[in-house]
N, C-alpha and C. Protein backbone atom coordinates (compact mmCIF):
# COMPACT_ATOMS: atom_id res chain seq x y z
N THR A 1 -3.19 25.07 56.98
CA THR A 1 -2.54 26.31 57.35
C THR A 1 -2.06 26.99 56.08
N SER A 2 -1.70 28.23 56.19
CA SER A 2 -1.29 29.00 55.02
C SER A 2 -0.21 29.99 55.41
N GLY A 3 0.24 30.75 54.41
CA GLY A 3 1.32 31.69 54.63
C GLY A 3 0.91 32.92 55.41
N ARG A 4 1.90 33.61 55.90
CA ARG A 4 1.73 34.82 56.71
C ARG A 4 0.93 35.90 55.98
N GLU A 5 1.07 35.98 54.65
CA GLU A 5 0.38 37.04 53.90
C GLU A 5 -1.15 36.88 53.92
N TYR A 6 -1.64 35.72 54.34
CA TYR A 6 -3.08 35.48 54.39
C TYR A 6 -3.65 35.62 55.80
N LYS A 7 -2.82 36.02 56.75
CA LYS A 7 -3.24 36.06 58.15
C LYS A 7 -3.02 37.44 58.75
N LYS A 8 -3.77 37.71 59.83
CA LYS A 8 -3.56 38.95 60.58
C LYS A 8 -3.70 38.63 62.06
N ASP A 9 -3.36 39.58 62.90
CA ASP A 9 -3.45 39.41 64.36
C ASP A 9 -2.73 38.15 64.83
N ILE A 10 -1.53 37.92 64.30
CA ILE A 10 -0.76 36.72 64.62
C ILE A 10 -0.12 36.88 66.00
N GLU A 11 -0.35 35.90 66.87
CA GLU A 11 0.28 35.89 68.19
C GLU A 11 0.50 34.44 68.60
N ASP A 12 1.40 34.23 69.54
CA ASP A 12 1.68 32.88 70.01
C ASP A 12 0.44 32.27 70.65
N ALA A 13 0.23 31.00 70.36
CA ALA A 13 -0.91 30.27 70.93
C ALA A 13 -0.58 29.83 72.35
N ASP A 14 -1.59 29.63 73.15
CA ASP A 14 -1.45 29.14 74.51
C ASP A 14 -1.39 27.62 74.48
N THR A 15 -0.19 27.06 74.65
CA THR A 15 -0.03 25.61 74.57
C THR A 15 -0.71 24.90 75.74
N CYS A 16 -0.87 25.57 76.86
CA CYS A 16 -1.63 24.97 77.98
C CYS A 16 -3.09 24.80 77.59
N GLU A 17 -3.62 25.77 76.88
CA GLU A 17 -5.01 25.69 76.42
C GLU A 17 -5.16 24.58 75.37
N ALA A 18 -4.18 24.45 74.49
CA ALA A 18 -4.20 23.37 73.50
C ALA A 18 -4.21 22.02 74.20
N MET A 19 -3.39 21.88 75.24
CA MET A 19 -3.33 20.62 75.99
C MET A 19 -4.66 20.36 76.69
N ARG A 20 -5.28 21.39 77.23
CA ARG A 20 -6.57 21.23 77.90
C ARG A 20 -7.63 20.71 76.93
N ARG A 21 -7.63 21.26 75.72
CA ARG A 21 -8.62 20.81 74.73
C ARG A 21 -8.38 19.35 74.35
N ILE A 22 -7.12 19.00 74.11
CA ILE A 22 -6.81 17.61 73.74
C ILE A 22 -7.21 16.66 74.86
N MET A 23 -6.91 17.03 76.09
CA MET A 23 -7.23 16.17 77.22
C MET A 23 -8.74 16.08 77.47
N GLY A 24 -9.49 17.01 76.91
CA GLY A 24 -10.94 16.99 77.05
C GLY A 24 -11.64 16.05 76.10
N LEU A 25 -10.88 15.46 75.17
CA LEU A 25 -11.47 14.53 74.21
C LEU A 25 -11.52 13.13 74.79
N ARG A 26 -12.65 12.46 74.59
CA ARG A 26 -12.81 11.08 75.05
C ARG A 26 -12.60 10.14 73.88
N MET A 27 -11.64 9.24 74.02
CA MET A 27 -11.37 8.25 72.98
C MET A 27 -12.34 7.09 73.15
N VAL A 28 -12.91 6.63 72.03
CA VAL A 28 -13.87 5.53 72.07
C VAL A 28 -13.58 4.52 70.96
N ASN A 29 -14.05 3.31 71.17
CA ASN A 29 -14.12 2.29 70.13
C ASN A 29 -15.57 2.27 69.67
N PHE A 30 -15.80 2.07 68.37
CA PHE A 30 -17.17 2.08 67.86
C PHE A 30 -17.22 1.33 66.53
N VAL A 31 -18.44 1.04 66.09
CA VAL A 31 -18.70 0.45 64.78
C VAL A 31 -19.70 1.36 64.09
N TYR A 32 -19.42 1.76 62.84
CA TYR A 32 -20.38 2.55 62.08
C TYR A 32 -21.62 1.72 61.81
N LYS A 33 -22.78 2.31 61.97
CA LYS A 33 -24.04 1.58 61.77
C LYS A 33 -24.18 1.02 60.36
N ASP A 34 -23.61 1.72 59.36
CA ASP A 34 -23.75 1.27 57.98
C ASP A 34 -22.55 0.45 57.48
N ASP A 35 -21.66 0.04 58.37
CA ASP A 35 -20.49 -0.76 57.99
C ASP A 35 -20.87 -2.24 57.98
N GLU A 36 -21.05 -2.79 56.78
CA GLU A 36 -21.45 -4.19 56.64
C GLU A 36 -20.41 -5.15 57.21
N LEU A 37 -19.16 -4.72 57.27
CA LEU A 37 -18.09 -5.57 57.81
C LEU A 37 -17.98 -5.44 59.33
N ALA A 38 -18.72 -4.52 59.91
CA ALA A 38 -18.74 -4.29 61.37
C ALA A 38 -17.34 -4.13 61.95
N ARG A 39 -16.52 -3.33 61.26
CA ARG A 39 -15.15 -3.09 61.73
C ARG A 39 -15.15 -2.17 62.94
N VAL A 40 -14.40 -2.55 63.95
CA VAL A 40 -14.27 -1.72 65.14
C VAL A 40 -13.29 -0.59 64.83
N ARG A 41 -13.73 0.61 65.08
CA ARG A 41 -12.92 1.81 64.83
C ARG A 41 -12.53 2.43 66.17
N PHE A 42 -11.56 3.33 66.11
CA PHE A 42 -11.05 4.03 67.28
C PHE A 42 -11.10 5.51 66.95
N GLY A 43 -11.72 6.31 67.79
CA GLY A 43 -11.79 7.73 67.48
C GLY A 43 -12.51 8.52 68.55
N ILE A 44 -13.14 9.61 68.11
CA ILE A 44 -13.88 10.48 69.02
C ILE A 44 -15.26 10.74 68.45
N ILE A 45 -16.17 11.17 69.29
CA ILE A 45 -17.54 11.47 68.89
C ILE A 45 -17.63 12.96 68.57
N ALA A 46 -18.14 13.28 67.38
CA ALA A 46 -18.15 14.67 66.91
C ALA A 46 -18.87 15.60 67.88
N GLU A 47 -20.03 15.20 68.39
CA GLU A 47 -20.79 16.08 69.29
C GLU A 47 -20.01 16.36 70.57
N GLU A 48 -19.30 15.35 71.07
CA GLU A 48 -18.49 15.55 72.28
C GLU A 48 -17.30 16.47 71.98
N ALA A 49 -16.68 16.27 70.83
CA ALA A 49 -15.54 17.12 70.44
C ALA A 49 -15.98 18.56 70.27
N GLU A 50 -17.18 18.76 69.74
CA GLU A 50 -17.69 20.12 69.53
C GLU A 50 -17.91 20.83 70.86
N ASP A 51 -18.28 20.08 71.90
CA ASP A 51 -18.42 20.67 73.24
C ASP A 51 -17.07 21.14 73.78
N VAL A 52 -16.00 20.44 73.42
CA VAL A 52 -14.65 20.80 73.85
C VAL A 52 -14.14 22.00 73.06
N ALA A 53 -14.29 21.94 71.74
CA ALA A 53 -13.80 23.01 70.86
C ALA A 53 -14.62 22.98 69.57
N PRO A 54 -15.49 23.96 69.35
CA PRO A 54 -16.33 23.96 68.14
C PRO A 54 -15.54 23.85 66.84
N GLN A 55 -14.31 24.35 66.82
CA GLN A 55 -13.52 24.29 65.59
C GLN A 55 -13.10 22.87 65.22
N TYR A 56 -13.29 21.91 66.11
CA TYR A 56 -12.95 20.51 65.83
C TYR A 56 -13.96 19.83 64.91
N VAL A 57 -15.11 20.47 64.67
CA VAL A 57 -16.19 19.78 63.96
C VAL A 57 -16.65 20.58 62.74
N LYS A 58 -16.88 19.85 61.64
CA LYS A 58 -17.49 20.40 60.44
C LYS A 58 -18.92 19.88 60.37
N HIS A 59 -19.82 20.70 59.86
CA HIS A 59 -21.20 20.26 59.67
C HIS A 59 -21.46 20.10 58.18
N ASN A 60 -21.80 18.89 57.79
CA ASN A 60 -22.03 18.56 56.39
C ASN A 60 -23.52 18.30 56.18
N GLN A 61 -24.09 18.97 55.22
CA GLN A 61 -25.50 18.77 54.89
C GLN A 61 -25.59 17.75 53.75
N PHE A 62 -26.46 16.76 53.93
CA PHE A 62 -26.67 15.80 52.85
C PHE A 62 -28.17 15.56 52.69
N PRO A 63 -28.59 15.27 51.43
CA PRO A 63 -30.01 15.09 51.17
C PRO A 63 -30.57 13.86 51.88
N VAL A 64 -31.77 14.00 52.43
CA VAL A 64 -32.46 12.87 53.05
C VAL A 64 -33.11 12.07 51.93
N PRO A 65 -32.76 10.79 51.80
CA PRO A 65 -33.36 9.97 50.72
C PRO A 65 -34.89 9.96 50.81
N GLY A 66 -35.52 10.12 49.66
CA GLY A 66 -36.98 10.08 49.60
C GLY A 66 -37.67 11.36 49.99
N SER A 67 -36.92 12.42 50.28
CA SER A 67 -37.55 13.67 50.72
C SER A 67 -37.72 14.68 49.58
N GLN A 68 -37.37 14.29 48.37
CA GLN A 68 -37.45 15.21 47.24
C GLN A 68 -38.91 15.44 46.84
N VAL A 69 -39.22 16.69 46.51
CA VAL A 69 -40.54 17.07 46.01
C VAL A 69 -40.32 17.71 44.64
N TYR A 70 -41.06 17.19 43.64
CA TYR A 70 -40.93 17.68 42.27
C TYR A 70 -42.24 18.32 41.82
N ASN A 71 -42.12 19.31 40.94
CA ASN A 71 -43.32 19.91 40.36
C ASN A 71 -43.77 19.10 39.14
N GLU A 72 -44.83 19.57 38.46
CA GLU A 72 -45.37 18.84 37.31
C GLU A 72 -44.38 18.69 36.17
N GLU A 73 -43.43 19.61 36.08
CA GLU A 73 -42.42 19.54 35.02
C GLU A 73 -41.26 18.63 35.39
N GLY A 74 -41.31 18.06 36.57
CA GLY A 74 -40.24 17.16 37.01
C GLY A 74 -39.05 17.87 37.62
N GLN A 75 -39.21 19.15 37.90
CA GLN A 75 -38.11 19.90 38.51
C GLN A 75 -38.18 19.79 40.03
N LEU A 76 -37.04 19.65 40.62
CA LEU A 76 -36.95 19.56 42.08
C LEU A 76 -37.33 20.91 42.68
N VAL A 77 -38.32 20.92 43.56
CA VAL A 77 -38.76 22.17 44.18
C VAL A 77 -38.51 22.19 45.68
N ASN A 78 -38.28 21.03 46.26
CA ASN A 78 -38.00 20.99 47.69
C ASN A 78 -37.17 19.75 48.00
N GLN A 79 -36.30 19.90 48.96
CA GLN A 79 -35.42 18.79 49.37
C GLN A 79 -35.09 18.98 50.83
N GLN A 80 -35.24 17.94 51.62
CA GLN A 80 -34.84 18.01 53.03
C GLN A 80 -33.39 17.58 53.15
N TYR A 81 -32.70 18.24 54.06
CA TYR A 81 -31.30 17.91 54.31
C TYR A 81 -31.11 17.57 55.78
N ALA A 82 -30.16 16.72 56.03
CA ALA A 82 -29.81 16.35 57.41
C ALA A 82 -28.36 16.74 57.65
N ASP A 83 -28.06 16.99 58.90
CA ASP A 83 -26.70 17.37 59.29
C ASP A 83 -25.94 16.12 59.72
N ARG A 84 -24.75 15.95 59.17
CA ARG A 84 -23.88 14.86 59.61
C ARG A 84 -22.56 15.49 60.07
N PRO A 85 -22.42 15.71 61.38
CA PRO A 85 -21.18 16.31 61.87
C PRO A 85 -20.01 15.36 61.69
N SER A 86 -18.87 15.92 61.36
CA SER A 86 -17.65 15.11 61.22
C SER A 86 -16.47 15.88 61.81
N ILE A 87 -15.44 15.15 62.12
CA ILE A 87 -14.25 15.73 62.75
C ILE A 87 -13.39 16.43 61.69
N ASP A 88 -12.96 17.64 62.00
CA ASP A 88 -11.98 18.37 61.19
C ASP A 88 -10.62 18.13 61.85
N ASN A 89 -9.81 17.30 61.23
CA ASN A 89 -8.55 16.88 61.85
C ASN A 89 -7.52 18.00 62.00
N ASN A 90 -7.53 19.01 61.12
CA ASN A 90 -6.49 20.03 61.16
C ASN A 90 -6.41 20.77 62.49
N PRO A 91 -7.52 21.28 63.05
CA PRO A 91 -7.41 21.95 64.36
C PRO A 91 -6.93 21.01 65.46
N ILE A 92 -7.30 19.74 65.36
CA ILE A 92 -6.85 18.78 66.37
C ILE A 92 -5.35 18.57 66.25
N VAL A 93 -4.86 18.45 65.02
CA VAL A 93 -3.41 18.30 64.82
C VAL A 93 -2.66 19.51 65.36
N MET A 94 -3.20 20.71 65.14
CA MET A 94 -2.54 21.92 65.65
C MET A 94 -2.52 21.91 67.18
N ASP A 95 -3.61 21.45 67.81
CA ASP A 95 -3.62 21.35 69.27
C ASP A 95 -2.67 20.26 69.75
N LEU A 96 -2.54 19.18 69.00
CA LEU A 96 -1.56 18.14 69.36
C LEU A 96 -0.14 18.71 69.32
N LEU A 97 0.15 19.54 68.31
CA LEU A 97 1.45 20.20 68.22
C LEU A 97 1.68 21.08 69.45
N GLY A 98 0.67 21.87 69.80
CA GLY A 98 0.78 22.71 71.00
C GLY A 98 0.94 21.87 72.26
N GLY A 99 0.23 20.75 72.33
CA GLY A 99 0.34 19.86 73.48
C GLY A 99 1.73 19.27 73.62
N ILE A 100 2.32 18.88 72.50
CA ILE A 100 3.70 18.35 72.51
C ILE A 100 4.67 19.42 72.98
N GLN A 101 4.51 20.64 72.47
CA GLN A 101 5.38 21.74 72.90
C GLN A 101 5.22 21.99 74.40
N ASN A 102 4.01 21.92 74.89
CA ASN A 102 3.75 22.11 76.31
C ASN A 102 4.42 21.02 77.13
N LEU A 103 4.28 19.78 76.71
CA LEU A 103 4.91 18.67 77.43
C LEU A 103 6.43 18.78 77.41
N GLN A 104 6.99 19.18 76.26
CA GLN A 104 8.45 19.31 76.18
C GLN A 104 8.95 20.40 77.11
N ALA A 105 8.22 21.50 77.22
CA ALA A 105 8.61 22.56 78.15
C ALA A 105 8.58 22.04 79.59
N GLN A 106 7.58 21.23 79.92
CA GLN A 106 7.51 20.65 81.26
C GLN A 106 8.67 19.69 81.51
N ILE A 107 9.01 18.89 80.52
CA ILE A 107 10.13 17.95 80.64
C ILE A 107 11.43 18.71 80.88
N THR A 108 11.65 19.76 80.10
CA THR A 108 12.86 20.57 80.25
C THR A 108 12.93 21.17 81.65
N GLU A 109 11.82 21.69 82.13
CA GLU A 109 11.78 22.28 83.47
C GLU A 109 12.06 21.22 84.54
N LEU A 110 11.49 20.05 84.39
CA LEU A 110 11.72 18.97 85.37
C LEU A 110 13.17 18.50 85.36
N LYS A 111 13.78 18.44 84.18
CA LYS A 111 15.19 18.06 84.09
C LYS A 111 16.07 19.06 84.82
N LEU A 112 15.76 20.35 84.65
CA LEU A 112 16.53 21.38 85.35
C LEU A 112 16.35 21.26 86.86
N THR A 113 15.13 20.98 87.30
CA THR A 113 14.86 20.81 88.73
C THR A 113 15.62 19.61 89.28
N ILE A 114 15.60 18.50 88.57
CA ILE A 114 16.32 17.29 89.00
C ILE A 114 17.81 17.56 89.06
N ALA A 115 18.34 18.23 88.03
CA ALA A 115 19.78 18.54 88.01
C ALA A 115 20.16 19.41 89.20
N ALA A 116 19.32 20.38 89.53
CA ALA A 116 19.60 21.26 90.67
C ALA A 116 19.55 20.49 91.98
N LEU A 117 18.65 19.55 92.10
CA LEU A 117 18.53 18.75 93.33
C LEU A 117 19.69 17.76 93.49
N GLN A 118 20.28 17.35 92.38
CA GLN A 118 21.38 16.38 92.43
C GLN A 118 22.71 17.02 92.79
N LYS A 119 22.78 18.34 92.81
CA LYS A 119 24.03 19.03 93.13
C LYS A 119 24.31 18.98 94.60
């Protein structure tokens, strides 16, 4: 995030919408295919998160090993790249903040309702 001087069209976010996005994420346990230690991780799948909110995912291009093509002078003239989607934590953290605010508003409302019923 950044300062106000770098932003425009500032308005309050919809915390209900933030909560909906967070609740749309499926938590999974997994092991990375290239993890020699086979450590079990806990997280979300980038493609599934992107279906919930495209801003949750970054697309990183990396060279495909062995796909380089060089000319006679040894200069690289062609290279294939593959996409490796990854999670961008900042938008998720912002939605978590909105979700907490939404839950706190619900708690406050429920407390008031309970207090009124106890009278």
